Amino acid sequence: MTNTNLWEQIIAWDNLWRAFRKAAKGKRGRPPAAGFEHQVADRLVALQTDLRSGRYQPGEYTHFYVHEPKRRKISAAPFRDRVVHHALCNVIEPMLDQTFVVHSYANRRGKGTHRALDYLQDCAKSYRYVLRADIVKHFPSLDHAVLRSTLAQVIRDEGVLRLIDHILASGVGVLTDEYTMVYFPGDDLLAVNRPRGLPIGNLTSQFWSNCYLNPLDHFILYELGCTGYLRYVDDFALFSNSKRDLWAWKRAIHDKLAELRLTIHPGAQAVPVTEGIPWLGFIVWPHQRRLKARNTVSFTRRLEHNLDLYQAGHISFAELDASVRGWINHVRYGDTWGLRQRLFSTHPIRPPPSIDPMCLVIPKSKIFGNPKMGDQADR
């Protein structure tokens, strides 16, 4: 893919149609997607015209909060803007993804949480110590000027950069109440006015988070020489057989992150891998993975609530089944056979008489697994 006609690729009809299909996937019954789909050809033509002429402006976000695992402010862009986000990422993501390191796992095709867990455990088997850290207020802290500069090193097309500027500007102030001001070396009092923050919920925000921290990944791997390293969004882990190296690397990372206008939580410690590594909802040891207790409590409460809704006729068995299957497909990547056995023994899921129990979507082999064969899937 060339870097000289990216703008024309973004606003091309085929790309906008593909972007609409992606934005609507799984949401076609909801009013925003359904409203856009009504006369979709006309709406895409109008959007293409606005983009081509420079009249396109993002709309207002809708905000709400989620509380798992912690309270976060989610900002939903209008559906029309989500089509634009997909159209942009369709074109620029393959270019930028080529610059990412192998062991950056979030929001990338062929990566994901389970492969991140596998690699973390591989490192725990190969090294004695780990330093696990994360960024303080990651999405609220991402500086627009730093991000724009990083993207412009790869993207040369002025039309694309103008669109990026529009999307960045639409998120200014969205997470202001989530950010506590930090001054970095060389700052004056006007630094408080620097635009920052990427709305959690935008497709572009997830992708740009990887772009923003890509220089950190390269620094750790190629300048510090850390051979055991991985990152998932703003959580990252470094492995070594030397505690001294990990402490020295932590100081260097602190300084590197200051260049990116970010900070890590000060409690990050270099510890033996045998103490267990908190990672993506699990505690990981060299030869074992346990689900975090709060995740078990959270799902148990959700299951009890959904069982009550199902028994009262407010949700279908298929909806209950889908919720359970999603959780099982995640936790089976840990040593959770006993947990699942206890949980589903005390909270039995009984289908209605109209459904043949022999045709359940959740067979016992999926719920309970086989403890003799090992519990972690695909291993």
Protein backbone atom coordinates (compact mmCIF):
# COMPACT_ATOMS: atom_id res chain seq x y z
CA MET A 1 0.00 0.00 0.00
CA THR A 2 1.46 3.36 -1.01
CA ASN A 3 1.66 6.37 1.27
CA THR A 4 0.87 8.86 -1.50
CA ASN A 5 -2.85 8.33 -2.13
CA LEU A 6 -4.11 7.28 1.29
CA TRP A 7 -6.80 9.96 1.33
CA GLU A 8 -8.36 8.69 -1.89
CA GLN A 9 -8.29 5.15 -0.50
CA ILE A 10 -10.09 6.27 2.66
CA ILE A 11 -12.91 8.11 0.90
CA ALA A 12 -13.31 5.52 -1.88
CA TRP A 13 -16.84 4.10 -2.11
CA ASP A 14 -15.75 0.49 -1.54
CA ASN A 15 -13.88 1.47 1.61
CA LEU A 16 -16.79 3.49 3.01
CA TRP A 17 -19.17 0.61 2.33
CA ARG A 18 -16.82 -1.82 4.08
CA ALA A 19 -16.53 0.62 6.98
CA PHE A 20 -20.33 0.79 7.28
CA ARG A 21 -20.56 -3.01 7.35
CA LYS A 22 -17.94 -3.18 10.11
CA ALA A 23 -19.55 -0.42 12.17
CA ALA A 24 -22.98 -2.07 11.87
CA LYS A 25 -21.83 -5.60 12.69
CA GLY A 26 -23.80 -6.88 15.66
CA LYS A 27 -25.69 -3.57 15.97
CA ARG A 28 -28.08 -3.55 13.02
CA GLY A 29 -31.12 -3.83 15.27
CA ARG A 30 -30.16 -0.76 17.29
CA PRO A 31 -31.59 2.65 16.36
CA PRO A 32 -28.29 4.41 15.41
CA ALA A 33 -27.23 1.67 12.99
CA ALA A 34 -30.76 1.04 11.72
CA GLY A 35 -31.30 4.74 11.14
CA PHE A 36 -28.12 5.01 9.10
CA GLU A 37 -28.89 1.82 7.18
CA HIS A 38 -32.19 3.35 6.03
CA GLN A 39 -31.16 4.92 2.72
CA VAL A 40 -27.57 3.85 3.41
CA ALA A 41 -26.38 4.58 -0.13
CA ASP A 42 -27.55 8.20 0.10
CA ARG A 43 -25.97 8.61 3.52
CA LEU A 44 -22.64 7.21 2.37
CA VAL A 45 -22.66 9.46 -0.69
CA ALA A 46 -23.31 12.47 1.55
CA LEU A 47 -20.54 11.37 3.91
CA GLN A 48 -18.14 10.88 1.00
CA THR A 49 -19.00 14.35 -0.30
CA ASP A 50 -18.40 15.95 3.12
CA LEU A 51 -15.06 14.19 3.48
CA ARG A 52 -13.91 15.08 -0.02
CA SER A 53 -14.90 18.75 0.31
CA GLY A 54 -13.46 19.18 3.81
CA ARG A 55 -16.88 19.91 5.34
CA TYR A 56 -16.89 16.80 7.54
CA GLN A 57 -17.07 17.52 11.25
CA PRO A 58 -17.48 14.89 14.01
CA GLY A 59 -20.63 14.98 16.10
CA GLU A 60 -21.17 14.98 19.86
CA TYR A 61 -20.35 11.98 22.02
CA THR A 62 -22.79 10.15 24.26
CA HIS A 63 -21.26 9.28 27.63
CA PHE A 64 -21.95 6.53 30.14
CA TYR A 65 -20.02 4.65 32.84
CA VAL A 66 -19.13 1.00 33.31
CA HIS A 67 -17.91 -0.45 36.59
CA GLU A 68 -16.07 -3.67 35.69
CA PRO A 69 -13.36 -4.12 36.71
CA LYS A 70 -13.18 -0.44 37.67
CA ARG A 71 -15.25 2.64 36.97
CA ARG A 72 -14.58 4.00 33.48
CA LYS A 73 -16.20 6.70 31.39
CA ILE A 74 -17.18 5.36 27.96
CA SER A 75 -17.81 7.82 25.11
CA ALA A 76 -19.84 6.64 22.12
CA ALA A 77 -19.45 8.59 18.89
CA PRO A 78 -22.44 9.03 16.54
CA PHE A 79 -22.80 6.13 14.13
CA ARG A 80 -21.79 8.29 11.15
CA ASP A 81 -18.48 9.04 12.87
CA ARG A 82 -17.95 5.39 13.66
CA VAL A 83 -18.15 4.68 9.93
CA VAL A 84 -15.42 7.28 9.41
CA HIS A 85 -13.27 5.71 12.13
CA HIS A 86 -13.50 2.33 10.42
CA ALA A 87 -12.78 3.86 7.02
CA LEU A 88 -9.65 5.52 8.40
CA CYS A 89 -8.41 2.42 10.25
CA ASN A 90 -9.08 0.17 7.25
CA VAL A 91 -6.36 2.06 5.40
CA ILE A 92 -3.79 3.21 7.98
CA GLU A 93 -3.88 0.31 10.44
CA PRO A 94 -2.04 -2.20 8.19
CA MET A 95 0.74 0.36 7.61
CA LEU A 96 1.21 1.20 11.26
CA ASP A 97 0.77 -2.36 12.51
CA GLN A 98 3.89 -3.31 10.55
CA THR A 99 5.89 -1.04 12.85
CA PHE A 100 4.60 -2.70 16.06
CA VAL A 101 6.66 -5.22 18.00
CA VAL A 102 5.63 -8.88 17.96
CA HIS A 103 4.61 -9.03 21.60
CA SER A 104 2.16 -6.12 21.64
CA TYR A 105 -1.11 -8.03 22.00
CA ALA A 106 -4.07 -5.66 22.36
CA ASN A 107 -6.49 -4.87 19.53
CA ARG A 108 -4.44 -6.61 16.87
CA ARG A 109 -5.42 -9.35 14.47
CA GLY A 110 -4.01 -12.73 15.51
CA LYS A 111 -3.11 -11.51 19.02
CA GLY A 112 -5.47 -11.00 21.98
CA THR A 113 -5.71 -11.83 25.66
CA HIS A 114 -5.18 -15.57 25.46
CA ARG A 115 -2.00 -15.36 23.43
CA ALA A 116 -0.76 -12.66 25.79
CA LEU A 117 -1.40 -15.05 28.70
CA ASP A 118 0.45 -17.85 26.91
CA TYR A 119 3.52 -15.69 26.22
CA LEU A 120 3.57 -14.25 29.74
CA GLN A 121 3.59 -17.78 31.15
CA ASP A 122 6.33 -18.82 28.72
CA CYS A 123 8.43 -15.94 30.03
CA ALA A 124 7.65 -16.92 33.62
CA LYS A 125 9.10 -20.37 32.86
CA SER A 126 12.25 -18.87 31.32
CA TYR A 127 13.16 -16.08 33.77
CA ARG A 128 13.41 -15.74 37.55
CA TYR A 129 12.05 -12.20 38.03
CA VAL A 130 9.34 -9.98 36.57
CA LEU A 131 8.59 -6.26 36.65
CA ARG A 132 4.93 -5.63 35.86
CA ALA A 133 3.74 -2.05 35.46
CA ASP A 134 0.95 0.03 33.99
CA ILE A 135 0.30 3.63 33.02
CA VAL A 136 -1.44 6.06 35.38
CA LYS A 137 -4.76 7.16 33.77
CA HIS A 138 -3.67 5.87 30.39
CA PHE A 139 -6.38 7.09 27.98
CA PRO A 140 -6.98 10.43 29.79
CA SER A 141 -3.20 11.11 29.71
CA LEU A 142 -2.46 10.55 26.01
CA ASP A 143 -1.12 13.84 24.66
CA HIS A 144 -2.48 14.90 21.25
CA ALA A 145 0.71 16.59 20.05
CA VAL A 146 2.83 13.56 20.94
CA LEU A 147 0.39 11.21 19.20
CA ARG A 148 0.11 13.44 16.11
CA SER A 149 3.90 13.55 15.82
CA THR A 150 4.15 9.75 16.13
CA LEU A 151 1.52 9.17 13.44
CA ALA A 152 3.07 11.74 11.09
CA GLN A 153 6.33 9.79 11.07
CA VAL A 154 4.53 7.09 9.06
CA ILE A 155 1.60 8.94 7.45
CA ARG A 156 2.62 11.64 4.97
CA ASP A 157 -0.76 12.33 3.37
CA GLU A 158 -2.03 15.76 4.44
CA GLY A 159 -5.67 14.83 3.87
CA VAL A 160 -5.36 11.90 6.25
CA LEU A 161 -3.58 14.01 8.84
CA ARG A 162 -6.36 16.61 8.66
CA LEU A 163 -8.94 13.90 9.32
CA ILE A 164 -6.88 12.66 12.27
CA ASP A 165 -6.79 16.22 13.60
CA HIS A 166 -10.61 16.43 13.37
CA ILE A 167 -11.05 13.18 15.29
CA LEU A 168 -8.49 14.21 17.93
CA ALA A 169 -10.14 17.61 18.37
CA SER A 170 -13.54 15.94 18.88
CA GLY A 171 -12.16 14.22 21.98
CA VAL A 172 -10.64 17.29 23.66
CA GLY A 173 -12.07 17.67 27.14
CA VAL A 174 -13.97 14.37 27.11
CA LEU A 175 -11.77 12.89 29.87
CA THR A 176 -10.68 16.10 31.60
CA ASP A 177 -12.40 15.09 34.82
CA GLU A 178 -10.47 11.79 34.76
CA TYR A 179 -7.01 13.42 34.53
CA THR A 180 -4.83 14.84 37.30
CA MET A 181 -2.29 17.32 35.93
CA VAL A 182 1.32 16.16 35.82
CA TYR A 183 4.16 18.55 34.93
CA PHE A 184 7.16 17.13 33.11
CA PRO A 185 10.71 18.54 32.78
CA GLY A 186 10.66 21.72 30.70
CA ASP A 187 6.96 22.45 31.25
CA ASP A 188 5.65 25.87 32.11
CA LEU A 189 2.25 26.73 33.57
CA LEU A 190 0.67 26.69 30.11
CA ALA A 191 1.25 22.93 29.89
CA VAL A 192 -2.09 22.50 31.66
CA ASN A 193 -3.76 23.63 28.41
CA ARG A 194 -2.20 20.92 26.22
CA PRO A 195 -4.96 18.90 24.51
CA ARG A 196 -4.98 15.35 25.83
CA GLY A 197 -7.20 12.32 26.25
CA LEU A 198 -8.66 9.78 23.82
CA PRO A 199 -12.33 8.84 24.30
CA ILE A 200 -12.62 5.28 25.60
CA GLY A 201 -14.96 3.59 23.16
CA ASN A 202 -13.59 4.94 19.88
CA LEU A 203 -12.08 2.40 17.51
CA THR A 204 -9.39 4.98 16.76
CA SER A 205 -8.55 5.36 20.46
CA GLN A 206 -7.80 1.66 20.86
CA PHE A 207 -5.61 1.65 17.78
CA TRP A 208 -3.86 4.92 18.57
CA SER A 209 -3.03 3.68 22.07
CA ASN A 210 -0.81 1.05 20.42
CA CYS A 211 0.73 3.70 18.17
CA TYR A 212 1.41 5.97 21.14
CA LEU A 213 3.23 3.30 23.16
CA ASN A 214 5.06 1.78 20.19
CA PRO A 215 8.18 3.92 20.88
CA LEU A 216 8.20 2.55 24.43
CA ASP A 217 8.08 -1.03 23.10
CA HIS A 218 11.03 -0.39 20.78
CA PHE A 219 12.97 1.35 23.55
CA ILE A 220 12.56 -1.58 25.96
CA LEU A 221 13.37 -4.26 23.39
CA TYR A 222 16.14 -2.64 21.38
CA GLU A 223 17.74 0.01 23.62
CA LEU A 224 17.40 -1.64 27.01
CA GLY A 225 17.88 -5.10 25.50
CA CYS A 226 15.07 -6.77 27.43
CA THR A 227 14.41 -10.07 25.64
CA GLY A 228 11.38 -11.03 27.75
CA TYR A 229 8.81 -8.27 27.23
CA LEU A 230 5.13 -7.92 26.36
CA ARG A 231 2.39 -5.31 26.52
CA TYR A 232 -1.41 -5.36 26.49
CA VAL A 233 -2.86 -1.81 26.17
CA ASP A 234 -1.07 -0.01 29.05
CA ASP A 235 -0.14 -3.12 31.06
CA PHE A 236 3.40 -4.31 30.37
CA ALA A 237 5.82 -6.82 31.85
CA LEU A 238 9.60 -7.18 31.69
CA PHE A 239 11.41 -10.40 32.64
CA SER A 240 15.01 -11.00 33.63
CA ASN A 241 17.20 -13.27 35.70
CA SER A 242 18.62 -10.16 37.38
CA LYS A 243 16.66 -7.97 39.80
CA ARG A 244 19.30 -5.30 39.38
CA ASP A 245 18.60 -5.11 35.64
CA LEU A 246 14.85 -4.79 36.23
CA TRP A 247 15.31 -1.92 38.70
CA ALA A 248 17.66 -0.15 36.29
CA TRP A 249 15.18 -0.68 33.45
CA LYS A 250 12.37 0.73 35.58
CA ARG A 251 14.30 3.98 36.07
CA ALA A 252 15.02 4.18 32.34
CA ILE A 253 11.36 3.51 31.51
CA HIS A 254 10.31 6.27 33.90
CA ASP A 255 12.47 8.73 31.96
CA LYS A 256 11.30 7.44 28.56
CA LEU A 257 7.67 7.75 29.58
CA ALA A 258 8.30 11.33 30.69
CA GLU A 259 9.24 12.08 27.06
CA LEU A 260 5.82 10.68 26.13
CA ARG A 261 4.18 12.71 28.94
CA LEU A 262 3.13 9.58 30.81
CA THR A 263 3.85 8.08 34.23
CA ILE A 264 3.75 4.56 35.63
CA HIS A 265 2.21 3.61 38.95
CA PRO A 266 4.97 3.94 41.55
CA GLY A 267 4.20 0.60 43.18
CA ALA A 268 5.71 -1.48 40.37
CA GLN A 269 8.18 -3.95 41.90
CA ALA A 270 10.67 -6.52 40.61
CA VAL A 271 9.52 -9.79 42.17
CA PRO A 272 10.16 -13.53 41.70
CA VAL A 273 7.86 -15.10 39.11
CA THR A 274 7.04 -17.76 41.71
CA GLU A 275 4.99 -15.14 43.61
CA GLY A 276 2.43 -15.05 40.79
CA ILE A 277 1.89 -12.33 38.19
CA PRO A 278 -1.46 -10.47 38.00
CA TRP A 279 -2.33 -10.35 34.28
CA LEU A 280 -5.60 -9.79 32.39
CA GLY A 281 -7.87 -11.10 35.13
CA PHE A 282 -5.66 -14.06 36.09
CA ILE A 283 -2.78 -14.73 38.47
CA VAL A 284 -0.08 -16.51 36.45
CA TRP A 285 2.69 -18.74 37.79
CA PRO A 286 5.22 -20.67 35.69
CA HIS A 287 2.99 -23.76 35.66
CA GLN A 288 -0.41 -22.56 36.81
CA ARG A 289 -3.05 -19.88 36.17
CA ARG A 290 -5.78 -18.91 38.61
CA LEU A 291 -8.70 -16.60 37.97
CA LYS A 292 -8.69 -13.50 40.15
CA ALA A 293 -11.17 -13.76 43.02
CA ARG A 294 -12.97 -10.54 42.05
CA ASN A 295 -13.65 -11.96 38.57
CA THR A 296 -15.26 -15.02 40.10
CA VAL A 297 -17.40 -12.88 42.42
CA SER A 298 -18.41 -10.61 39.54
CA PHE A 299 -19.47 -13.46 37.27
CA THR A 300 -21.32 -15.28 40.08
CA ARG A 301 -23.39 -12.16 40.73
CA ARG A 302 -24.06 -11.70 37.03
CA LEU A 303 -25.03 -15.36 36.63
CA GLU A 304 -27.44 -15.18 39.58
CA HIS A 305 -28.98 -12.01 38.13
CA ASN A 306 -29.35 -13.55 34.67
CA LEU A 307 -30.83 -16.75 36.13
CA ASP A 308 -33.43 -14.63 37.92
CA LEU A 309 -34.21 -12.79 34.67
CA TYR A 310 -34.47 -16.08 32.76
CA GLN A 311 -36.75 -17.71 35.33
CA ALA A 312 -38.95 -14.60 35.29
CA GLY A 313 -39.16 -14.77 31.49
CA HIS A 314 -37.31 -11.48 30.88
CA ILE A 315 -34.49 -13.02 28.84
CA SER A 316 -34.39 -16.12 26.65
CA PHE A 317 -32.40 -19.27 27.29
CA ALA A 318 -30.26 -18.36 24.27
CA GLU A 319 -29.32 -15.04 25.91
CA LEU A 320 -28.48 -16.78 29.19
CA ASP A 321 -26.52 -19.41 27.30
CA ALA A 322 -24.50 -16.81 25.36
CA SER A 323 -23.52 -15.01 28.56
CA VAL A 324 -22.31 -18.23 30.18
CA ARG A 325 -20.47 -19.42 27.08
CA GLY A 326 -18.58 -16.14 26.79
CA TRP A 327 -17.33 -16.42 30.36
CA ILE A 328 -16.41 -20.11 29.99
CA ASN A 329 -14.48 -19.47 26.78
CA HIS A 330 -12.36 -16.96 28.67
CA VAL A 331 -11.76 -18.71 31.98
CA ARG A 332 -10.97 -22.09 30.43
CA TYR A 333 -7.59 -20.54 29.56
CA GLY A 334 -6.80 -20.86 33.26
CA ASP A 335 -6.81 -23.69 35.78
CA THR A 336 -10.49 -23.27 36.59
CA TRP A 337 -11.88 -26.79 36.37
CA GLY A 338 -12.72 -26.99 40.08
CA LEU A 339 -14.14 -23.46 40.07
CA ARG A 340 -16.48 -24.20 37.17
CA GLN A 341 -17.54 -27.51 38.72
CA ARG A 342 -18.47 -25.82 42.01
CA LEU A 343 -20.14 -22.82 40.37
CA PHE A 344 -22.37 -24.70 37.95
CA SER A 345 -23.19 -27.37 40.53
CA THR A 346 -24.60 -24.70 42.87
CA HIS A 347 -26.16 -22.70 40.00
CA PRO A 348 -27.57 -25.34 37.62
CA ILE A 349 -28.69 -24.12 34.20
CA ARG A 350 -31.82 -25.94 33.12
CA PRO A 351 -33.15 -25.40 29.60
CA PRO A 352 -36.89 -25.12 28.97
CA PRO A 353 -38.75 -28.30 27.95
CA SER A 354 -38.74 -27.14 24.32
CA ILE A 355 -34.93 -27.54 24.15
CA ASP A 356 -33.42 -31.01 23.97
CA PRO A 357 -30.84 -31.25 26.81
CA MET A 358 -28.67 -33.41 24.53
CA CYS A 359 -28.36 -30.43 22.15
CA LEU A 360 -27.26 -27.86 24.69
CA VAL A 361 -24.88 -25.25 23.38
CA ILE A 362 -22.98 -25.57 26.68
CA PRO A 363 -22.08 -29.26 27.01
CA LYS A 364 -20.60 -30.42 30.30
CA SER A 365 -17.26 -31.01 28.61
CA LYS A 366 -17.09 -27.28 27.89
CA ILE A 367 -18.19 -26.26 31.38
CA PHE A 368 -16.06 -28.66 33.37
CA GLY A 369 -13.26 -29.60 30.98
CA ASN A 370 -11.01 -32.57 31.69
CA PRO A 371 -8.73 -32.15 34.72
CA LYS A 372 -6.64 -35.14 33.71
CA MET A 373 -5.76 -33.53 30.38
CA GLY A 374 -4.93 -30.12 31.83
CA ASP A 375 -7.34 -27.22 31.93
CA GLN A 376 -5.83 -24.54 29.74
CA ALA A 377 -7.25 -24.54 26.24
CA ASP A 378 -5.12 -24.99 23.13
CA ARG A 379 -2.01 -25.91 25.09
